[in-house]
N, C-alpha and C. Protein backbone atom coordinates (compact mmCIF):
# COMPACT_ATOMS: atom_id res chain seq x y z
N MET A 1 -34.81 14.68 -37.81
CA MET A 1 -33.52 15.28 -37.46
C MET A 1 -32.44 14.16 -37.51
N ARG A 2 -31.41 14.47 -38.12
CA ARG A 2 -30.33 13.53 -38.23
C ARG A 2 -29.34 13.64 -37.09
N ARG A 3 -28.99 12.47 -36.50
CA ARG A 3 -28.04 12.45 -35.41
C ARG A 3 -26.61 12.59 -35.93
N PRO A 4 -25.80 13.33 -35.26
CA PRO A 4 -24.38 13.39 -35.67
C PRO A 4 -23.66 12.08 -35.42
N GLN A 5 -22.77 11.77 -36.30
CA GLN A 5 -22.03 10.53 -36.13
C GLN A 5 -20.92 10.75 -35.11
N VAL A 6 -20.75 9.72 -34.27
CA VAL A 6 -19.70 9.78 -33.22
C VAL A 6 -18.65 8.74 -33.61
N ARG A 7 -17.43 9.14 -33.55
CA ARG A 7 -16.38 8.22 -33.91
C ARG A 7 -15.33 8.27 -32.79
N LEU A 8 -15.00 7.09 -32.27
CA LEU A 8 -13.95 7.00 -31.22
C LEU A 8 -12.61 6.80 -31.92
N VAL A 9 -11.68 7.71 -31.49
CA VAL A 9 -10.36 7.65 -32.10
C VAL A 9 -9.38 7.53 -30.94
N ARG A 10 -8.51 6.59 -31.06
CA ARG A 10 -7.48 6.38 -30.07
C ARG A 10 -6.41 7.44 -30.26
N ALA A 11 -6.09 8.14 -29.15
CA ALA A 11 -5.10 9.15 -29.19
C ALA A 11 -3.74 8.56 -29.42
N GLU A 12 -2.95 9.21 -30.19
CA GLU A 12 -1.56 8.78 -30.42
C GLU A 12 -0.76 9.05 -29.15
N HIS A 13 0.01 8.08 -28.75
CA HIS A 13 0.86 8.24 -27.58
C HIS A 13 2.22 8.68 -28.04
N ALA A 14 2.77 9.60 -27.33
CA ALA A 14 4.14 10.05 -27.66
C ALA A 14 5.10 8.88 -27.32
N ALA A 15 6.09 8.74 -28.13
CA ALA A 15 7.05 7.67 -27.93
C ALA A 15 7.75 7.90 -26.56
N VAL A 16 7.87 6.84 -25.81
CA VAL A 16 8.50 6.92 -24.49
C VAL A 16 10.01 6.66 -24.69
N ALA A 17 10.79 7.56 -24.16
CA ALA A 17 12.22 7.43 -24.33
C ALA A 17 12.73 6.21 -23.53
N VAL A 18 13.54 5.39 -24.19
CA VAL A 18 14.09 4.20 -23.53
C VAL A 18 15.39 4.64 -22.88
N PRO A 19 15.46 4.51 -21.54
CA PRO A 19 16.70 4.92 -20.87
C PRO A 19 17.89 4.04 -21.24
N VAL A 20 19.06 4.58 -21.14
CA VAL A 20 20.28 3.86 -21.41
C VAL A 20 20.92 3.62 -20.07
N PRO A 21 20.81 2.37 -19.54
CA PRO A 21 21.34 2.10 -18.23
C PRO A 21 22.86 2.01 -18.19
N ASP A 22 23.47 2.41 -17.05
CA ASP A 22 24.87 2.19 -16.88
C ASP A 22 25.09 0.72 -16.52
N LEU A 23 26.33 0.34 -16.22
CA LEU A 23 26.64 -1.06 -15.95
C LEU A 23 25.91 -1.57 -14.73
N ALA A 24 25.91 -0.80 -13.63
CA ALA A 24 25.19 -1.26 -12.40
C ALA A 24 23.71 -1.39 -12.66
N GLN A 25 23.12 -0.47 -13.37
CA GLN A 25 21.71 -0.49 -13.67
C GLN A 25 21.38 -1.68 -14.58
N ARG A 26 22.26 -1.97 -15.55
CA ARG A 26 22.04 -3.10 -16.44
C ARG A 26 22.10 -4.41 -15.63
N ARG A 27 22.95 -4.45 -14.62
CA ARG A 27 23.02 -5.64 -13.80
C ARG A 27 21.71 -5.88 -13.03
N VAL A 28 21.07 -4.81 -12.59
CA VAL A 28 19.78 -4.89 -11.96
C VAL A 28 18.72 -5.42 -12.87
N VAL A 29 18.67 -4.83 -14.08
CA VAL A 29 17.62 -5.23 -15.06
C VAL A 29 17.83 -6.69 -15.52
N GLU A 30 19.06 -7.13 -15.61
CA GLU A 30 19.32 -8.44 -16.13
C GLU A 30 19.41 -9.52 -15.06
N HIS A 31 19.31 -9.14 -13.79
CA HIS A 31 19.38 -10.10 -12.70
C HIS A 31 18.23 -11.09 -12.76
N ARG A 32 18.53 -12.37 -12.69
CA ARG A 32 17.53 -13.40 -12.77
C ARG A 32 17.61 -14.39 -11.57
N GLY A 33 18.47 -14.15 -10.59
CA GLY A 33 18.76 -15.17 -9.58
C GLY A 33 18.04 -15.00 -8.24
N GLY A 34 16.86 -14.54 -8.19
CA GLY A 34 16.15 -14.41 -6.90
C GLY A 34 16.18 -12.98 -6.41
N PRO A 35 16.00 -12.85 -5.11
CA PRO A 35 15.90 -11.52 -4.49
C PRO A 35 17.19 -10.69 -4.76
N LEU A 36 17.01 -9.42 -4.90
CA LEU A 36 18.11 -8.49 -5.13
C LEU A 36 17.85 -7.21 -4.37
N LEU A 37 18.76 -6.79 -3.58
CA LEU A 37 18.66 -5.52 -2.84
C LEU A 37 19.43 -4.44 -3.62
N VAL A 38 18.73 -3.39 -3.90
CA VAL A 38 19.37 -2.27 -4.62
C VAL A 38 19.41 -1.09 -3.64
N LEU A 39 20.60 -0.64 -3.32
CA LEU A 39 20.79 0.54 -2.46
C LEU A 39 21.33 1.69 -3.30
N ALA A 40 20.57 2.73 -3.32
CA ALA A 40 21.00 3.90 -4.07
C ALA A 40 20.28 5.13 -3.54
N GLY A 41 20.89 6.25 -3.69
CA GLY A 41 20.28 7.49 -3.21
C GLY A 41 19.16 8.00 -4.07
N PRO A 42 18.49 9.06 -3.62
CA PRO A 42 17.39 9.64 -4.41
C PRO A 42 17.91 10.19 -5.76
N GLY A 43 17.09 9.98 -6.76
CA GLY A 43 17.37 10.52 -8.11
C GLY A 43 18.40 9.72 -8.90
N THR A 44 18.69 8.50 -8.43
CA THR A 44 19.73 7.71 -9.10
C THR A 44 19.12 6.74 -10.12
N GLY A 45 17.81 6.69 -10.22
CA GLY A 45 17.14 5.89 -11.28
C GLY A 45 16.63 4.55 -10.76
N LYS A 46 16.39 4.42 -9.47
CA LYS A 46 15.82 3.13 -8.98
C LYS A 46 14.48 2.83 -9.57
N THR A 47 13.58 3.81 -9.60
CA THR A 47 12.25 3.56 -10.15
C THR A 47 12.32 3.29 -11.65
N THR A 48 13.19 4.01 -12.35
CA THR A 48 13.36 3.81 -13.78
C THR A 48 13.85 2.36 -14.04
N MET A 49 14.78 1.90 -13.23
CA MET A 49 15.30 0.52 -13.39
C MET A 49 14.26 -0.53 -13.05
N LEU A 50 13.41 -0.23 -12.08
CA LEU A 50 12.33 -1.14 -11.73
C LEU A 50 11.39 -1.28 -12.94
N VAL A 51 11.04 -0.11 -13.55
CA VAL A 51 10.20 -0.14 -14.73
C VAL A 51 10.91 -0.97 -15.82
N GLU A 52 12.19 -0.67 -16.06
CA GLU A 52 12.88 -1.36 -17.12
C GLU A 52 13.03 -2.89 -16.82
N THR A 53 13.13 -3.29 -15.59
CA THR A 53 13.18 -4.68 -15.20
C THR A 53 11.91 -5.33 -15.58
N VAL A 54 10.77 -4.74 -15.25
CA VAL A 54 9.48 -5.33 -15.66
C VAL A 54 9.38 -5.44 -17.19
N VAL A 55 9.72 -4.33 -17.88
CA VAL A 55 9.63 -4.33 -19.35
C VAL A 55 10.55 -5.45 -19.90
N ASP A 56 11.71 -5.59 -19.33
CA ASP A 56 12.65 -6.62 -19.83
C ASP A 56 12.07 -8.03 -19.64
N ARG A 57 11.43 -8.27 -18.46
CA ARG A 57 10.85 -9.58 -18.23
C ARG A 57 9.73 -9.87 -19.25
N VAL A 58 8.96 -8.85 -19.54
CA VAL A 58 7.79 -9.02 -20.43
C VAL A 58 8.28 -9.20 -21.85
N GLU A 59 9.20 -8.33 -22.30
CA GLU A 59 9.65 -8.39 -23.70
C GLU A 59 10.64 -9.49 -23.99
N ARG A 60 11.60 -9.68 -23.09
CA ARG A 60 12.65 -10.68 -23.38
C ARG A 60 12.33 -12.06 -22.93
N ASP A 61 11.64 -12.13 -21.74
CA ASP A 61 11.33 -13.44 -21.14
C ASP A 61 9.93 -13.93 -21.50
N GLY A 62 9.10 -13.06 -22.08
CA GLY A 62 7.76 -13.44 -22.46
C GLY A 62 6.82 -13.58 -21.31
N ILE A 63 7.11 -12.95 -20.18
CA ILE A 63 6.25 -13.05 -19.02
C ILE A 63 4.97 -12.23 -19.29
N ASP A 64 3.83 -12.79 -18.97
CA ASP A 64 2.55 -12.08 -19.14
C ASP A 64 2.52 -10.96 -18.15
N PRO A 65 2.25 -9.71 -18.60
CA PRO A 65 2.25 -8.59 -17.67
C PRO A 65 1.22 -8.80 -16.51
N GLU A 66 0.18 -9.56 -16.78
CA GLU A 66 -0.82 -9.82 -15.73
C GLU A 66 -0.27 -10.67 -14.61
N GLN A 67 0.92 -11.27 -14.79
CA GLN A 67 1.55 -12.12 -13.78
C GLN A 67 2.66 -11.35 -13.01
N VAL A 68 2.81 -10.09 -13.28
CA VAL A 68 3.81 -9.28 -12.60
C VAL A 68 3.19 -8.52 -11.43
N LEU A 69 3.88 -8.50 -10.33
CA LEU A 69 3.44 -7.72 -9.19
C LEU A 69 4.62 -6.91 -8.64
N VAL A 70 4.39 -5.63 -8.59
CA VAL A 70 5.37 -4.69 -8.02
C VAL A 70 4.73 -4.05 -6.80
N LEU A 71 5.42 -4.15 -5.65
CA LEU A 71 4.87 -3.63 -4.44
C LEU A 71 5.63 -2.39 -4.03
N THR A 72 4.90 -1.39 -3.51
CA THR A 72 5.47 -0.17 -3.08
C THR A 72 4.72 0.35 -1.86
N PHE A 73 5.18 1.45 -1.29
CA PHE A 73 4.63 1.93 -0.01
C PHE A 73 3.41 2.87 -0.17
N SER A 74 3.35 3.63 -1.22
CA SER A 74 2.28 4.62 -1.33
C SER A 74 1.42 4.44 -2.54
N ARG A 75 0.20 4.95 -2.47
CA ARG A 75 -0.69 4.87 -3.64
C ARG A 75 -0.14 5.67 -4.78
N ARG A 76 0.44 6.80 -4.46
CA ARG A 76 1.01 7.69 -5.51
C ARG A 76 2.11 6.96 -6.23
N ALA A 77 2.99 6.31 -5.54
CA ALA A 77 4.11 5.55 -6.15
C ALA A 77 3.56 4.38 -6.97
N ALA A 78 2.55 3.69 -6.45
CA ALA A 78 1.93 2.58 -7.23
C ALA A 78 1.33 3.12 -8.52
N GLY A 79 0.64 4.19 -8.44
CA GLY A 79 0.02 4.78 -9.63
C GLY A 79 1.05 5.18 -10.64
N GLU A 80 2.13 5.80 -10.18
CA GLU A 80 3.20 6.24 -11.09
C GLU A 80 3.85 5.06 -11.72
N LEU A 81 4.11 3.99 -10.96
CA LEU A 81 4.70 2.76 -11.53
C LEU A 81 3.81 2.14 -12.59
N ARG A 82 2.50 2.04 -12.30
CA ARG A 82 1.58 1.46 -13.29
C ARG A 82 1.62 2.28 -14.54
N GLN A 83 1.56 3.59 -14.41
CA GLN A 83 1.56 4.42 -15.56
C GLN A 83 2.83 4.32 -16.39
N ARG A 84 3.96 4.32 -15.74
CA ARG A 84 5.26 4.25 -16.44
C ARG A 84 5.47 2.88 -17.08
N ILE A 85 5.07 1.81 -16.41
CA ILE A 85 5.25 0.46 -17.00
C ILE A 85 4.34 0.33 -18.22
N ALA A 86 3.07 0.75 -18.10
CA ALA A 86 2.12 0.67 -19.24
C ALA A 86 2.66 1.49 -20.44
N ALA A 87 3.17 2.68 -20.12
CA ALA A 87 3.69 3.52 -21.21
C ALA A 87 4.85 2.88 -21.92
N ARG A 88 5.77 2.29 -21.11
CA ARG A 88 6.94 1.61 -21.74
C ARG A 88 6.58 0.38 -22.50
N LEU A 89 5.49 -0.36 -22.01
CA LEU A 89 5.05 -1.55 -22.77
C LEU A 89 4.21 -1.16 -23.94
N GLY A 90 3.69 0.09 -23.94
CA GLY A 90 2.84 0.55 -25.03
C GLY A 90 1.45 -0.14 -25.04
N ARG A 91 1.02 -0.54 -23.86
CA ARG A 91 -0.33 -1.20 -23.73
C ARG A 91 -0.83 -1.10 -22.33
N THR A 92 -2.09 -1.40 -22.20
CA THR A 92 -2.67 -1.41 -20.84
C THR A 92 -2.84 -2.90 -20.44
N VAL A 93 -3.02 -3.09 -19.14
CA VAL A 93 -3.25 -4.45 -18.63
C VAL A 93 -4.47 -4.37 -17.72
N ARG A 94 -5.13 -5.52 -17.53
CA ARG A 94 -6.34 -5.58 -16.68
C ARG A 94 -5.96 -5.45 -15.21
N GLU A 95 -5.01 -6.22 -14.77
CA GLU A 95 -4.64 -6.25 -13.35
C GLU A 95 -3.62 -5.14 -13.10
N PRO A 96 -3.73 -4.50 -11.94
CA PRO A 96 -2.68 -3.50 -11.63
C PRO A 96 -1.33 -4.17 -11.43
N LEU A 97 -0.34 -3.72 -12.17
CA LEU A 97 0.98 -4.25 -12.04
C LEU A 97 1.63 -3.81 -10.70
N ALA A 98 1.27 -2.68 -10.24
CA ALA A 98 1.85 -2.13 -9.01
C ALA A 98 0.77 -1.85 -8.00
N ARG A 99 1.05 -2.26 -6.77
CA ARG A 99 0.09 -2.03 -5.66
C ARG A 99 0.90 -1.62 -4.44
N THR A 100 0.17 -1.13 -3.49
CA THR A 100 0.80 -0.89 -2.19
C THR A 100 0.80 -2.23 -1.46
N PHE A 101 1.74 -2.34 -0.49
CA PHE A 101 1.77 -3.56 0.34
C PHE A 101 0.44 -3.81 1.00
N HIS A 102 -0.18 -2.71 1.45
CA HIS A 102 -1.46 -2.83 2.14
C HIS A 102 -2.59 -3.26 1.25
N SER A 103 -2.66 -2.73 0.04
CA SER A 103 -3.78 -3.11 -0.85
C SER A 103 -3.60 -4.57 -1.27
N TYR A 104 -2.39 -5.03 -1.46
CA TYR A 104 -2.16 -6.40 -1.85
C TYR A 104 -2.58 -7.35 -0.68
N ALA A 105 -2.18 -7.03 0.56
CA ALA A 105 -2.53 -7.85 1.68
C ALA A 105 -4.05 -7.86 1.89
N PHE A 106 -4.70 -6.72 1.74
CA PHE A 106 -6.13 -6.65 1.85
C PHE A 106 -6.84 -7.48 0.78
N GLY A 107 -6.29 -7.45 -0.42
CA GLY A 107 -6.79 -8.31 -1.49
C GLY A 107 -6.74 -9.77 -1.14
N LEU A 108 -5.65 -10.17 -0.54
CA LEU A 108 -5.51 -11.57 -0.10
C LEU A 108 -6.57 -11.92 0.96
N LEU A 109 -6.80 -11.04 1.87
CA LEU A 109 -7.82 -11.26 2.89
C LEU A 109 -9.21 -11.40 2.29
N ARG A 110 -9.50 -10.50 1.34
CA ARG A 110 -10.79 -10.53 0.63
C ARG A 110 -10.99 -11.86 -0.09
N ARG A 111 -9.95 -12.28 -0.82
CA ARG A 111 -10.00 -13.52 -1.60
C ARG A 111 -10.22 -14.70 -0.65
N GLU A 112 -9.49 -14.79 0.45
CA GLU A 112 -9.61 -15.89 1.39
C GLU A 112 -11.07 -15.95 1.99
N ALA A 113 -11.60 -14.80 2.30
CA ALA A 113 -12.95 -14.72 2.85
C ALA A 113 -13.95 -15.25 1.83
N MET A 114 -13.75 -14.82 0.58
CA MET A 114 -14.65 -15.25 -0.52
C MET A 114 -14.55 -16.80 -0.68
N LEU A 115 -13.33 -17.36 -0.66
CA LEU A 115 -13.18 -18.78 -0.81
C LEU A 115 -13.81 -19.59 0.31
N ARG A 116 -13.89 -18.98 1.50
CA ARG A 116 -14.55 -19.64 2.68
C ARG A 116 -16.02 -19.39 2.70
N GLY A 117 -16.53 -18.56 1.80
CA GLY A 117 -17.94 -18.20 1.82
C GLY A 117 -18.29 -17.20 2.90
N GLU A 118 -17.30 -16.47 3.40
CA GLU A 118 -17.50 -15.48 4.43
C GLU A 118 -17.66 -14.13 3.81
N PRO A 119 -18.24 -13.19 4.55
CA PRO A 119 -18.31 -11.82 4.02
C PRO A 119 -16.90 -11.20 3.92
N ALA A 120 -16.71 -10.36 2.92
CA ALA A 120 -15.41 -9.72 2.73
C ALA A 120 -15.11 -8.82 3.93
N PRO A 121 -13.88 -8.70 4.33
CA PRO A 121 -13.55 -7.76 5.40
C PRO A 121 -13.76 -6.34 4.91
N ARG A 122 -13.95 -5.44 5.82
CA ARG A 122 -14.12 -4.02 5.50
C ARG A 122 -13.17 -3.20 6.32
N LEU A 123 -12.54 -2.25 5.69
CA LEU A 123 -11.63 -1.38 6.39
C LEU A 123 -12.49 -0.28 7.05
N LEU A 124 -12.14 0.02 8.31
CA LEU A 124 -12.84 1.10 9.02
C LEU A 124 -12.22 2.44 8.57
N THR A 125 -13.04 3.44 8.42
CA THR A 125 -12.57 4.78 8.18
C THR A 125 -11.91 5.31 9.46
N ALA A 126 -11.15 6.38 9.36
CA ALA A 126 -10.57 6.96 10.56
C ALA A 126 -11.64 7.40 11.52
N ALA A 127 -12.72 7.93 10.99
CA ALA A 127 -13.84 8.38 11.87
C ALA A 127 -14.47 7.19 12.59
N GLU A 128 -14.62 6.07 11.87
CA GLU A 128 -15.20 4.84 12.54
C GLU A 128 -14.19 4.30 13.55
N GLN A 129 -12.91 4.36 13.28
CA GLN A 129 -11.94 3.91 14.24
C GLN A 129 -12.00 4.74 15.49
N ASP A 130 -12.04 6.07 15.31
CA ASP A 130 -12.14 6.97 16.47
C ASP A 130 -13.39 6.69 17.30
N LEU A 131 -14.51 6.47 16.62
CA LEU A 131 -15.77 6.21 17.32
C LEU A 131 -15.66 4.92 18.13
N LEU A 132 -15.12 3.88 17.57
CA LEU A 132 -14.92 2.62 18.23
C LEU A 132 -14.06 2.78 19.46
N ILE A 133 -12.95 3.50 19.32
CA ILE A 133 -12.03 3.68 20.47
C ILE A 133 -12.72 4.50 21.53
N ARG A 134 -13.48 5.54 21.16
CA ARG A 134 -14.21 6.32 22.14
C ARG A 134 -15.24 5.49 22.88
N GLU A 135 -15.94 4.57 22.16
CA GLU A 135 -16.89 3.68 22.83
C GLU A 135 -16.16 2.76 23.80
N LEU A 136 -15.00 2.24 23.40
CA LEU A 136 -14.23 1.38 24.38
C LEU A 136 -13.78 2.17 25.57
N LEU A 137 -13.31 3.36 25.33
CA LEU A 137 -12.86 4.20 26.47
C LEU A 137 -14.02 4.57 27.38
N ARG A 138 -15.18 4.89 26.77
CA ARG A 138 -16.36 5.19 27.54
C ARG A 138 -16.75 3.99 28.38
N GLY A 139 -16.60 2.77 27.88
CA GLY A 139 -16.87 1.58 28.65
C GLY A 139 -15.90 1.45 29.84
N ASP A 140 -14.67 1.84 29.62
CA ASP A 140 -13.70 1.80 30.73
C ASP A 140 -14.15 2.75 31.83
N VAL A 141 -14.63 3.95 31.45
CA VAL A 141 -15.04 4.93 32.48
C VAL A 141 -16.31 4.44 33.15
N ASP A 142 -17.30 3.93 32.36
CA ASP A 142 -18.54 3.52 32.94
C ASP A 142 -18.43 2.34 33.85
N GLU A 143 -17.48 1.46 33.60
CA GLU A 143 -17.32 0.24 34.39
C GLU A 143 -16.26 0.37 35.45
N PHE A 144 -15.88 1.58 35.77
CA PHE A 144 -14.90 1.86 36.82
C PHE A 144 -13.55 1.18 36.53
N ALA A 145 -13.36 0.86 35.26
CA ALA A 145 -12.07 0.27 34.89
C ALA A 145 -11.03 1.38 34.72
N ALA A 146 -11.48 2.60 34.82
CA ALA A 146 -10.57 3.70 34.71
C ALA A 146 -9.45 3.66 35.76
N ARG A 147 -9.67 2.92 36.79
CA ARG A 147 -8.67 2.82 37.83
C ARG A 147 -7.38 2.16 37.27
N SER A 148 -7.50 1.43 36.18
CA SER A 148 -6.31 0.81 35.59
C SER A 148 -5.51 1.85 34.75
N TRP A 149 -6.12 2.97 34.46
CA TRP A 149 -5.40 4.04 33.74
C TRP A 149 -4.65 4.89 34.73
N PRO A 150 -3.49 5.41 34.34
CA PRO A 150 -2.78 6.34 35.26
C PRO A 150 -3.76 7.52 35.60
N GLU A 151 -3.65 7.95 36.82
CA GLU A 151 -4.57 8.98 37.32
C GLU A 151 -4.53 10.29 36.49
N HIS A 152 -3.36 10.67 36.02
CA HIS A 152 -3.29 11.92 35.26
C HIS A 152 -3.87 11.81 33.84
N LEU A 153 -4.17 10.56 33.39
CA LEU A 153 -4.83 10.40 32.10
C LEU A 153 -6.33 10.20 32.18
N ARG A 154 -6.86 9.87 33.34
CA ARG A 154 -8.26 9.58 33.50
C ARG A 154 -9.19 10.68 32.99
N PRO A 155 -8.91 11.96 33.26
CA PRO A 155 -9.80 13.02 32.75
C PRO A 155 -9.83 13.07 31.19
N ALA A 156 -8.79 12.55 30.54
CA ALA A 156 -8.70 12.58 29.06
C ALA A 156 -9.45 11.47 28.41
N LEU A 157 -9.88 10.45 29.17
CA LEU A 157 -10.45 9.25 28.58
C LEU A 157 -11.71 9.53 27.71
N THR A 158 -12.40 10.57 28.03
CA THR A 158 -13.67 10.80 27.28
C THR A 158 -13.51 11.86 26.21
N THR A 159 -12.29 12.34 25.98
CA THR A 159 -12.08 13.40 24.98
C THR A 159 -11.78 12.81 23.60
N ARG A 160 -12.22 13.54 22.60
CA ARG A 160 -12.00 13.12 21.19
C ARG A 160 -10.46 13.07 20.90
N GLY A 161 -9.77 14.07 21.36
CA GLY A 161 -8.31 14.16 21.10
C GLY A 161 -7.57 12.98 21.64
N PHE A 162 -7.90 12.52 22.81
CA PHE A 162 -7.24 11.35 23.41
C PHE A 162 -7.54 10.13 22.59
N ALA A 163 -8.77 9.95 22.10
CA ALA A 163 -9.14 8.79 21.24
C ALA A 163 -8.30 8.82 19.95
N GLU A 164 -8.11 9.99 19.37
CA GLU A 164 -7.36 10.10 18.14
C GLU A 164 -5.91 9.73 18.38
N GLU A 165 -5.36 10.25 19.49
CA GLU A 165 -3.95 9.96 19.85
C GLU A 165 -3.75 8.46 20.10
N LEU A 166 -4.71 7.87 20.80
CA LEU A 166 -4.64 6.47 21.08
C LEU A 166 -4.73 5.60 19.81
N ARG A 167 -5.64 6.04 18.88
CA ARG A 167 -5.73 5.33 17.58
C ARG A 167 -4.38 5.41 16.83
N ASP A 168 -3.82 6.63 16.80
CA ASP A 168 -2.54 6.78 16.11
C ASP A 168 -1.46 5.92 16.71
N LEU A 169 -1.41 5.85 18.04
CA LEU A 169 -0.43 5.03 18.75
C LEU A 169 -0.62 3.57 18.39
N LEU A 170 -1.87 3.09 18.42
CA LEU A 170 -2.13 1.67 18.11
C LEU A 170 -1.75 1.34 16.65
N MET A 171 -2.09 2.27 15.77
CA MET A 171 -1.74 2.04 14.34
C MET A 171 -0.23 1.95 14.14
N ARG A 172 0.50 2.91 14.75
CA ARG A 172 1.97 2.90 14.59
C ARG A 172 2.58 1.64 15.25
N ALA A 173 2.03 1.24 16.35
CA ALA A 173 2.54 0.00 17.00
C ALA A 173 2.29 -1.19 16.08
N ALA A 174 1.12 -1.30 15.53
CA ALA A 174 0.80 -2.40 14.61
C ALA A 174 1.73 -2.38 13.38
N GLU A 175 1.94 -1.20 12.83
CA GLU A 175 2.85 -1.11 11.67
C GLU A 175 4.25 -1.55 11.95
N ARG A 176 4.67 -1.37 13.19
CA ARG A 176 6.05 -1.75 13.56
C ARG A 176 6.14 -3.10 14.29
N GLY A 177 5.04 -3.80 14.34
CA GLY A 177 4.99 -5.13 14.97
C GLY A 177 5.17 -5.10 16.46
N VAL A 178 4.80 -4.00 17.07
CA VAL A 178 4.86 -3.85 18.55
C VAL A 178 3.53 -4.31 19.12
N GLY A 179 3.60 -5.39 19.92
CA GLY A 179 2.38 -5.94 20.51
C GLY A 179 2.04 -5.31 21.80
N LEU A 180 0.88 -5.75 22.36
CA LEU A 180 0.36 -5.22 23.62
C LEU A 180 1.37 -5.43 24.78
N ARG A 181 1.95 -6.64 24.84
CA ARG A 181 2.93 -6.90 25.90
C ARG A 181 4.11 -5.91 25.79
N ASP A 182 4.57 -5.63 24.55
CA ASP A 182 5.70 -4.64 24.39
C ASP A 182 5.26 -3.25 24.85
N LEU A 183 4.05 -2.85 24.53
CA LEU A 183 3.55 -1.53 24.96
C LEU A 183 3.47 -1.46 26.47
N LEU A 184 2.91 -2.54 27.07
CA LEU A 184 2.80 -2.52 28.55
C LEU A 184 4.16 -2.55 29.23
N ASP A 185 5.07 -3.32 28.68
CA ASP A 185 6.44 -3.39 29.22
C ASP A 185 7.09 -2.02 29.11
N GLY A 186 6.83 -1.32 27.99
CA GLY A 186 7.37 0.05 27.81
C GLY A 186 6.82 1.04 28.79
N LEU A 187 5.54 0.91 29.15
CA LEU A 187 4.94 1.75 30.20
C LEU A 187 5.54 1.48 31.54
N ALA A 188 5.78 0.22 31.89
CA ALA A 188 6.23 -0.19 33.14
C ALA A 188 7.72 0.18 33.36
N GLY A 189 8.47 0.13 32.24
CA GLY A 189 9.93 0.37 32.29
C GLY A 189 10.23 1.76 32.31
């Protein structure tokens, strides 16, 4: 029996329209003097100009796309940026051009651990975080440390809902740079 021949064919990509920037957008793309703050409302082309800025640096300045890093807040935005930049460049790259702030920072932590010969850090899932907080709270109840909690909160210490709320509070505080002392001062005030 003869095997059918398989042939890999690269799909033709539709040409990506090159945007025509206005004067302010052109100034953003051509800026070479360090940090630049761009303030503009939704739908004004900020993401498009970010893509065009990367393309301009690669095509006009000869920067290797693997040396470009674009940081954004969400995975969805990072994925969209990667896709749009790759489409405009007409090629793929090995390293992600766009990442979230969090994934970039976590990558730095992993690299540093590897360089020190330490195990890579691991992110806890939400369920693992809740379990850890519930164990800590259970320890507070078991060791009579519950006296340090306000009396009206003591019955909630062993509930799943309280652990979830506490986890969310701690995460929001960390995101905003609010430390333990700030939290305690806020409770006292």
